[in-house]
Every structure is written in structure tokens, then in C-alpha cells.
């Protein structure tokens, strides 16, 4: 297994660790540092919620879906 060593200024540690943490699962087996850092959790937006809620392929809603959306269901 290959090993990569990076020297990063302390002010950039959070940014570099965030990038490494977000890489595709399975690419990196273990990440370790000699300094503590707080892992930043991604913020979920309202756009993510709406796209998960409505997996529709049609451009327009049906009458029933439109009425449901107006009622708030």
C-alpha cells in the first residue's frame, strides 16, 4: 500500500482535511494528523430536501400532485 505525506500550514489544515474527508469512499484507508481538527459536517440545504422529496421525470405536476402541493402534503 502506498503512503502519502503532506506538510500543511496549520491555518490550512481544516481545508485540506475537509477535502480529504470528502473524497470518494474506498480511496483512502486511513487519515491521521499530528494536530487536532474539528471535522466540518456538510450543511444540508432546502434544495437537497426538495429534490429528494420529488423524484419526478415529468416537467409538470399532475392535477392531484398540484392539489397536494397546494394543501401542503
PDB file of N, CA and C in Angstrom:
ATOM      1  N   UNK A   1       0.839  -1.177   0.000  1.00  0.00           N
ATOM      2  CA  UNK A   1       0.000   0.000   0.000  1.00  0.00           C
ATOM      3  C   UNK A   1       0.882   1.237   0.000  1.00  0.00           C
ATOM      4  N   UNK A   2       0.521   2.230  -0.794  1.00  0.00           N
ATOM      5  CA  UNK A   2       1.278   3.473  -0.889  1.00  0.00           C
ATOM      6  C   UNK A   2       0.918   4.410   0.255  1.00  0.00           C
ATOM      7  N   UNK A   3       1.871   5.252   0.609  1.00  0.00           N
ATOM      8  CA  UNK A   3       1.655   6.211   1.687  1.00  0.00           C
ATOM      9  C   UNK A   3       2.042   7.591   1.181  1.00  0.00           C
ATOM     10  N   UNK A   4       1.190   8.576   1.455  1.00  0.00           N
ATOM     11  CA  UNK A   4       1.435   9.957   1.044  1.00  0.00           C
ATOM     12  C   UNK A   4       1.559  10.811   2.299  1.00  0.00           C
ATOM     13  N   UNK A   5       2.580  11.653   2.340  1.00  0.00           N
ATOM     14  CA  UNK A   5       2.780  12.562   3.463  1.00  0.00           C
ATOM     15  C   UNK A   5       2.656  13.991   2.957  1.00  0.00           C
ATOM     16  N   UNK A   6       1.852  14.780   3.645  1.00  0.00           N
ATOM     17  CA  UNK A   6       1.651  16.178   3.275  1.00  0.00           C
ATOM     18  C   UNK A   6       2.101  17.075   4.413  1.00  0.00           C
ATOM     19  N   UNK A   7       2.756  18.170   4.075  1.00  0.00           N
ATOM     20  CA  UNK A   7       3.073  19.192   5.064  1.00  0.00           C
ATOM     21  C   UNK A   7       2.184  20.387   4.764  1.00  0.00           C
ATOM     22  N   UNK A   8       1.332  20.731   5.723  1.00  0.00           N
ATOM     23  CA  UNK A   8       0.341  21.780   5.523  1.00  0.00           C
ATOM     24  C   UNK A   8       0.463  22.790   6.649  1.00  0.00           C
ATOM     25  N   UNK A   9       0.352  24.068   6.293  1.00  0.00           N
ATOM     26  CA  UNK A   9       0.348  25.094   7.333  1.00  0.00           C
ATOM     27  C   UNK A   9      -0.889  24.908   8.193  1.00  0.00           C
ATOM     28  N   UNK A  10      -0.757  25.243   9.465  1.00  0.00           N
ATOM     29  CA  UNK A  10      -1.851  24.998  10.405  1.00  0.00           C
ATOM     30  C   UNK A  10      -3.130  25.744  10.029  1.00  0.00           C
ATOM     31  N   UNK A  11      -3.003  26.912   9.434  1.00  0.00           N
ATOM     32  CA  UNK A  11      -4.190  27.674   9.048  1.00  0.00           C
ATOM     33  C   UNK A  11      -4.962  26.994   7.917  1.00  0.00           C
ATOM     34  N   UNK A  12      -4.303  26.129   7.153  1.00  0.00           N
ATOM     35  CA  UNK A  12      -4.954  25.433   6.041  1.00  0.00           C
ATOM     36  C   UNK A  12      -5.343  23.999   6.382  1.00  0.00           C
ATOM     37  N   UNK A  13      -5.092  23.571   7.601  1.00  0.00           N
ATOM     38  CA  UNK A  13      -5.334  22.177   7.973  1.00  0.00           C
ATOM     39  C   UNK A  13      -6.799  21.786   7.829  1.00  0.00           C
ATOM     40  N   UNK A  14      -7.712  22.623   8.306  1.00  0.00           N
ATOM     41  CA  UNK A  14      -9.141  22.300   8.209  1.00  0.00           C
ATOM     42  C   UNK A  14      -9.570  22.120   6.760  1.00  0.00           C
ATOM     43  N   UNK A  15      -9.112  23.009   5.907  1.00  0.00           N
ATOM     44  CA  UNK A  15      -9.495  22.950   4.492  1.00  0.00           C
ATOM     45  C   UNK A  15      -8.988  21.675   3.838  1.00  0.00           C
ATOM     46  N   UNK A  16      -7.736  21.356   4.061  1.00  0.00           N
ATOM     47  CA  UNK A  16      -7.149  20.155   3.461  1.00  0.00           C
ATOM     48  C   UNK A  16      -7.824  18.902   4.001  1.00  0.00           C
ATOM     49  N   UNK A  17      -8.079  18.860   5.297  1.00  0.00           N
ATOM     50  CA  UNK A  17      -8.720  17.682   5.878  1.00  0.00           C
ATOM     51  C   UNK A  17     -10.154  17.530   5.384  1.00  0.00           C
ATOM     52  N   UNK A  18     -10.852  18.640   5.190  1.00  0.00           N
ATOM     53  CA  UNK A  18     -12.209  18.580   4.650  1.00  0.00           C
ATOM     54  C   UNK A  18     -12.187  18.003   3.240  1.00  0.00           C
ATOM     55  N   UNK A  19     -11.242  18.438   2.439  1.00  0.00           N
ATOM     56  CA  UNK A  19     -11.120  17.918   1.073  1.00  0.00           C
ATOM     57  C   UNK A  19     -10.829  16.424   1.104  1.00  0.00           C
ATOM     58  N   UNK A  20      -9.905  16.007   1.940  1.00  0.00           N
ATOM     59  CA  UNK A  20      -9.558  14.585   2.019  1.00  0.00           C
ATOM     60  C   UNK A  20     -10.712  13.756   2.564  1.00  0.00           C
ATOM     61  N   UNK A  21     -11.436  14.281   3.542  1.00  0.00           N
ATOM     62  CA  UNK A  21     -12.572  13.554   4.112  1.00  0.00           C
ATOM     63  C   UNK A  21     -13.692  13.363   3.099  1.00  0.00           C
ATOM     64  N   UNK A  22     -13.823  14.294   2.156  1.00  0.00           N
ATOM     65  CA  UNK A  22     -14.913  14.239   1.185  1.00  0.00           C
ATOM     66  C   UNK A  22     -14.575  13.456  -0.078  1.00  0.00           C
ATOM     67  N   UNK A  23     -13.380  12.927  -0.160  1.00  0.00           N
ATOM     68  CA  UNK A  23     -13.038  12.107  -1.318  1.00  0.00           C
ATOM     69  C   UNK A  23     -13.864  10.832  -1.323  1.00  0.00           C
ATOM     70  N   UNK A  24     -13.959  10.228  -2.461  1.00  0.00           N
ATOM     71  CA  UNK A  24     -14.774   9.035  -2.647  1.00  0.00           C
ATOM     72  C   UNK A  24     -14.400   7.955  -1.631  1.00  0.00           C
ATOM     73  N   UNK A  25     -15.447   7.337  -1.041  1.00  0.00           N
ATOM     74  CA  UNK A  25     -15.222   6.252  -0.087  1.00  0.00           C
ATOM     75  C   UNK A  25     -14.443   5.127  -0.757  1.00  0.00           C
ATOM     76  N   UNK A  26     -13.515   4.571  -0.034  1.00  0.00           N
ATOM     77  CA  UNK A  26     -12.740   3.462  -0.553  1.00  0.00           C
ATOM     78  C   UNK A  26     -11.405   3.885  -1.139  1.00  0.00           C
ATOM     79  N   UNK A  27     -11.238   5.166  -1.441  1.00  0.00           N
ATOM     80  CA  UNK A  27      -9.963   5.624  -1.984  1.00  0.00           C
ATOM     81  C   UNK A  27      -8.901   5.733  -0.899  1.00  0.00           C
ATOM     82  N   UNK A  28      -9.305   6.207   0.262  1.00  0.00           N
ATOM     83  CA  UNK A  28      -8.364   6.419   1.360  1.00  0.00           C
ATOM     84  C   UNK A  28      -8.723   5.481   2.498  1.00  0.00           C
ATOM     85  N   UNK A  29      -7.736   4.717   2.929  1.00  0.00           N
ATOM     86  CA  UNK A  29      -7.981   3.760   4.009  1.00  0.00           C
ATOM     87  C   UNK A  29      -7.953   4.438   5.373  1.00  0.00           C
ATOM     88  N   UNK A  30      -6.996   5.339   5.600  1.00  0.00           N
ATOM     89  CA  UNK A  30      -6.867   5.980   6.909  1.00  0.00           C
ATOM     90  C   UNK A  30      -6.268   7.374   6.738  1.00  0.00           C
ATOM     91  N   UNK A  31      -6.788   8.316   7.509  1.00  0.00           N
ATOM     92  CA  UNK A  31      -6.251   9.678   7.530  1.00  0.00           C
ATOM     93  C   UNK A  31      -5.883   9.995   8.968  1.00  0.00           C
ATOM     94  N   UNK A  32      -4.654  10.456   9.165  1.00  0.00           N
ATOM     95  CA  UNK A  32      -4.245  10.817  10.523  1.00  0.00           C
ATOM     96  C   UNK A  32      -3.415  12.101  10.466  1.00  0.00           C
ATOM     97  N   UNK A  33      -3.486  12.865  11.561  1.00  0.00           N
ATOM     98  CA  UNK A  33      -2.711  14.098  11.673  1.00  0.00           C
ATOM     99  C   UNK A  33      -2.024  14.130  13.028  1.00  0.00           C
ATOM    100  N   UNK A  34      -1.035  15.001  13.144  1.00  0.00           N
ATOM    101  CA  UNK A  34      -0.391  15.179  14.435  1.00  0.00           C
ATOM    102  C   UNK A  34      -1.040  16.324  15.209  1.00  0.00           C
ATOM    103  N   UNK A  35      -2.039  16.972  14.610  1.00  0.00           N
ATOM    104  CA  UNK A  35      -2.786  18.059  15.250  1.00  0.00           C
ATOM    105  C   UNK A  35      -4.259  17.698  15.283  1.00  0.00           C
ATOM    106  N   UNK A  36      -4.971  18.275  16.243  1.00  0.00           N
ATOM    107  CA  UNK A  36      -6.419  18.071  16.332  1.00  0.00           C
ATOM    108  C   UNK A  36      -7.117  19.040  15.381  1.00  0.00           C
ATOM    109  N   UNK A  37      -8.168  18.584  14.779  1.00  0.00           N
ATOM    110  CA  UNK A  37      -9.003  19.463  13.970  1.00  0.00           C
ATOM    111  C   UNK A  37     -10.436  19.009  14.130  1.00  0.00           C
ATOM    112  N   UNK A  38     -11.346  19.950  13.994  1.00  0.00           N
ATOM    113  CA  UNK A  38     -12.767  19.622  14.085  1.00  0.00           C
ATOM    114  C   UNK A  38     -13.271  19.339  12.683  1.00  0.00           C
ATOM    115  N   UNK A  39     -13.835  18.165  12.500  1.00  0.00           N
ATOM    116  CA  UNK A  39     -14.380  17.816  11.193  1.00  0.00           C
ATOM    117  C   UNK A  39     -15.613  18.664  10.932  1.00  0.00           C
ATOM    118  N   UNK A  40     -15.668  19.255   9.773  1.00  0.00           N
ATOM    119  CA  UNK A  40     -16.800  20.095   9.400  1.00  0.00           C
ATOM    120  C   UNK A  40     -17.835  19.218   8.721  1.00  0.00           C
ATOM    121  N   UNK A  41     -19.043  19.270   9.251  1.00  0.00           N
ATOM    122  CA  UNK A  41     -20.124  18.492   8.660  1.00  0.00           C
ATOM    123  C   UNK A  41     -20.799  19.322   7.581  1.00  0.00           C
ATOM    124  N   UNK A  42     -21.149  18.700   6.459  1.00  0.00           N
ATOM    125  CA  UNK A  42     -21.807  19.462   5.400  1.00  0.00           C
ATOM    126  C   UNK A  42     -23.176  19.960   5.830  1.00  0.00           C
ATOM    127  N   UNK A  43     -23.523  21.129   5.382  1.00  0.00           N
ATOM    128  CA  UNK A  43     -24.807  21.736   5.711  1.00  0.00           C
ATOM    129  C   UNK A  43     -25.817  21.311   4.658  1.00  0.00           C
ATOM    130  N   UNK A  44     -26.950  20.792   5.120  1.00  0.00           N
ATOM    131  CA  UNK A  44     -27.974  20.411   4.155  1.00  0.00           C
ATOM    132  C   UNK A  44     -28.819  21.631   3.835  1.00  0.00           C
ATOM    133  N   UNK A  45     -29.140  21.781   2.589  1.00  0.00           N
ATOM    134  CA  UNK A  45     -29.928  22.938   2.170  1.00  0.00           C
ATOM    135  C   UNK A  45     -31.354  22.523   1.870  1.00  0.00           C
ATOM    136  N   UNK A  46     -32.205  23.491   1.717  1.00  0.00           N
ATOM    137  CA  UNK A  46     -33.596  23.203   1.388  1.00  0.00           C
ATOM    138  C   UNK A  46     -33.705  22.625  -0.016  1.00  0.00           C
ATOM    139  N   UNK A  47     -32.752  22.923  -0.879  1.00  0.00           N
ATOM    140  CA  UNK A  47     -32.773  22.361  -2.228  1.00  0.00           C
ATOM    141  C   UNK A  47     -32.581  20.855  -2.198  1.00  0.00           C
ATOM    142  N   UNK A  48     -31.704  20.369  -1.321  1.00  0.00           N
ATOM    143  CA  UNK A  48     -31.493  18.930  -1.201  1.00  0.00           C
ATOM    144  C   UNK A  48     -32.771  18.228  -0.774  1.00  0.00           C
ATOM    145  N   UNK A  49     -33.497  18.826   0.152  1.00  0.00           N
ATOM    146  CA  UNK A  49     -34.730  18.219   0.649  1.00  0.00           C
ATOM    147  C   UNK A  49     -35.789  18.154  -0.433  1.00  0.00           C
ATOM    148  N   UNK A  50     -35.909  19.205  -1.226  1.00  0.00           N
ATOM    149  CA  UNK A  50     -36.950  19.219  -2.256  1.00  0.00           C
ATOM    150  C   UNK A  50     -36.639  18.247  -3.382  1.00  0.00           C
ATOM    151  N   UNK A  51     -35.372  18.061  -3.721  1.00  0.00           N
ATOM    152  CA  UNK A  51     -35.047  17.119  -4.788  1.00  0.00           C
ATOM    153  C   UNK A  51     -35.207  15.687  -4.325  1.00  0.00           C
ATOM    154  N   UNK A  52     -34.956  15.416  -3.060  1.00  0.00           N
ATOM    155  CA  UNK A  52     -35.157  14.069  -2.535  1.00  0.00           C
ATOM    156  C   UNK A  52     -36.640  13.740  -2.444  1.00  0.00           C
ATOM    157  N   UNK A  53     -37.435  14.745  -2.160  1.00  0.00           N
ATOM    158  CA  UNK A  53     -38.859  14.547  -1.946  1.00  0.00           C
ATOM    159  C   UNK A  53     -39.600  14.274  -3.249  1.00  0.00           C
ATOM    160  N   UNK A  54     -39.157  14.880  -4.342  1.00  0.00           N
ATOM    161  CA  UNK A  54     -39.892  14.801  -5.594  1.00  0.00           C
ATOM    162  C   UNK A  54     -39.056  14.200  -6.731  1.00  0.00           C
ATOM    163  N   UNK A  55     -38.850  12.893  -6.729  1.00  0.00           N
ATOM    164  CA  UNK A  55     -38.104  12.283  -7.832  1.00  0.00           C
ATOM    165  C   UNK A  55     -39.018  12.079  -9.036  1.00  0.00           C
ATOM    166  N   UNK A  56     -39.295  13.132  -9.767  1.00  0.00           N
ATOM    167  CA  UNK A  56     -40.245  13.085 -10.858  1.00  0.00           C
ATOM    168  C   UNK A  56     -39.535  13.324 -12.177  1.00  0.00           C
ATOM    169  N   UNK A  57     -39.961  12.603 -13.196  1.00  0.00           N
ATOM    170  CA  UNK A  57     -39.357  12.797 -14.504  1.00  0.00           C
ATOM    171  C   UNK A  57     -40.167  13.757 -15.364  1.00  0.00           C
ATOM    172  N   UNK A  58     -41.425  13.993 -15.002  1.00  0.00           N
ATOM    173  CA  UNK A  58     -42.268  14.904 -15.774  1.00  0.00           C
ATOM    174  C   UNK A  58     -41.918  16.350 -15.476  1.00  0.00           C
ATOM    175  N   UNK A  59     -42.101  17.185 -16.473  1.00  0.00           N
ATOM    176  CA  UNK A  59     -41.833  18.609 -16.294  1.00  0.00           C
ATOM    177  C   UNK A  59     -42.932  19.267 -15.473  1.00  0.00           C
ATOM    178  N   UNK A  60     -44.177  18.816 -15.668  1.00  0.00           N
ATOM    179  CA  UNK A  60     -45.317  19.408 -14.980  1.00  0.00           C
ATOM    180  C   UNK A  60     -45.941  18.402 -14.024  1.00  0.00           C
ATOM    181  N   UNK A  61     -46.543  18.921 -12.960  1.00  0.00           N
ATOM    182  CA  UNK A  61     -47.234  18.076 -11.992  1.00  0.00           C
ATOM    183  C   UNK A  61     -48.600  17.670 -12.526  1.00  0.00           C
ATOM    184  N   UNK A  62     -49.064  16.519 -12.068  1.00  0.00           N
ATOM    185  CA  UNK A  62     -50.433  16.124 -12.389  1.00  0.00           C
ATOM    186  C   UNK A  62     -51.387  16.974 -11.545  1.00  0.00           C
ATOM    187  N   UNK A  63     -52.677  16.930 -11.867  1.00  0.00           N
ATOM    188  CA  UNK A  63     -53.664  17.702 -11.098  1.00  0.00           C
ATOM    189  C   UNK A  63     -53.610  17.330  -9.627  1.00  0.00           C
ATOM    190  N   UNK A  64     -53.545  16.024  -9.360  1.00  0.00           N
ATOM    191  CA  UNK A  64     -53.557  15.539  -7.978  1.00  0.00           C
ATOM    192  C   UNK A  64     -52.316  16.010  -7.219  1.00  0.00           C
ATOM    193  N   UNK A  65     -51.160  15.896  -7.856  1.00  0.00           N
ATOM    194  CA  UNK A  65     -49.923  16.328  -7.201  1.00  0.00           C
ATOM    195  C   UNK A  65     -49.933  17.836  -6.951  1.00  0.00           C
ATOM    196  N   UNK A  66     -50.467  18.592  -7.885  1.00  0.00           N
ATOM    197  CA  UNK A  66     -50.549  20.043  -7.727  1.00  0.00           C
ATOM    198  C   UNK A  66     -51.443  20.408  -6.547  1.00  0.00           C
ATOM    199  N   UNK A  67     -52.584  19.735  -6.441  1.00  0.00           N
ATOM    200  CA  UNK A  67     -53.505  19.999  -5.331  1.00  0.00           C
ATOM    201  C   UNK A  67     -52.874  19.609  -3.998  1.00  0.00           C
ATOM    202  N   UNK A  68     -52.154  18.481  -3.976  1.00  0.00           N
ATOM    203  CA  UNK A  68     -51.464  18.061  -2.750  1.00  0.00           C
ATOM    204  C   UNK A  68     -50.430  19.107  -2.349  1.00  0.00           C
ATOM    205  N   UNK A  69     -49.698  19.608  -3.320  1.00  0.00           N
ATOM    206  CA  UNK A  69     -48.663  20.596  -3.041  1.00  0.00           C
ATOM    207  C   UNK A  69     -49.278  21.878  -2.507  1.00  0.00           C
ATOM    208  N   UNK A  70     -50.437  22.279  -3.049  1.00  0.00           N
ATOM    209  CA  UNK A  70     -51.117  23.480  -2.560  1.00  0.00           C
ATOM    210  C   UNK A  70     -51.595  23.309  -1.125  1.00  0.00           C
ATOM    211  N   UNK A  71     -52.073  22.104  -0.794  1.00  0.00           N
ATOM    212  CA  UNK A  71     -52.555  21.837   0.565  1.00  0.00           C
ATOM    213  C   UNK A  71     -51.405  21.717   1.552  1.00  0.00           C
ATOM    214  N   UNK A  72     -50.220  21.405   1.068  1.00  0.00           N
ATOM    215  CA  UNK A  72     -49.061  21.306   1.945  1.00  0.00           C
ATOM    216  C   UNK A  72     -48.719  19.891   2.344  1.00  0.00           C
ATOM    217  N   UNK A  73     -49.225  18.898   1.660  1.00  0.00           N
ATOM    218  CA  UNK A  73     -48.908  17.493   1.985  1.00  0.00           C
ATOM    219  C   UNK A  73     -47.700  17.032   1.255  1.00  0.00           C
TER     220      UNK A  73
END
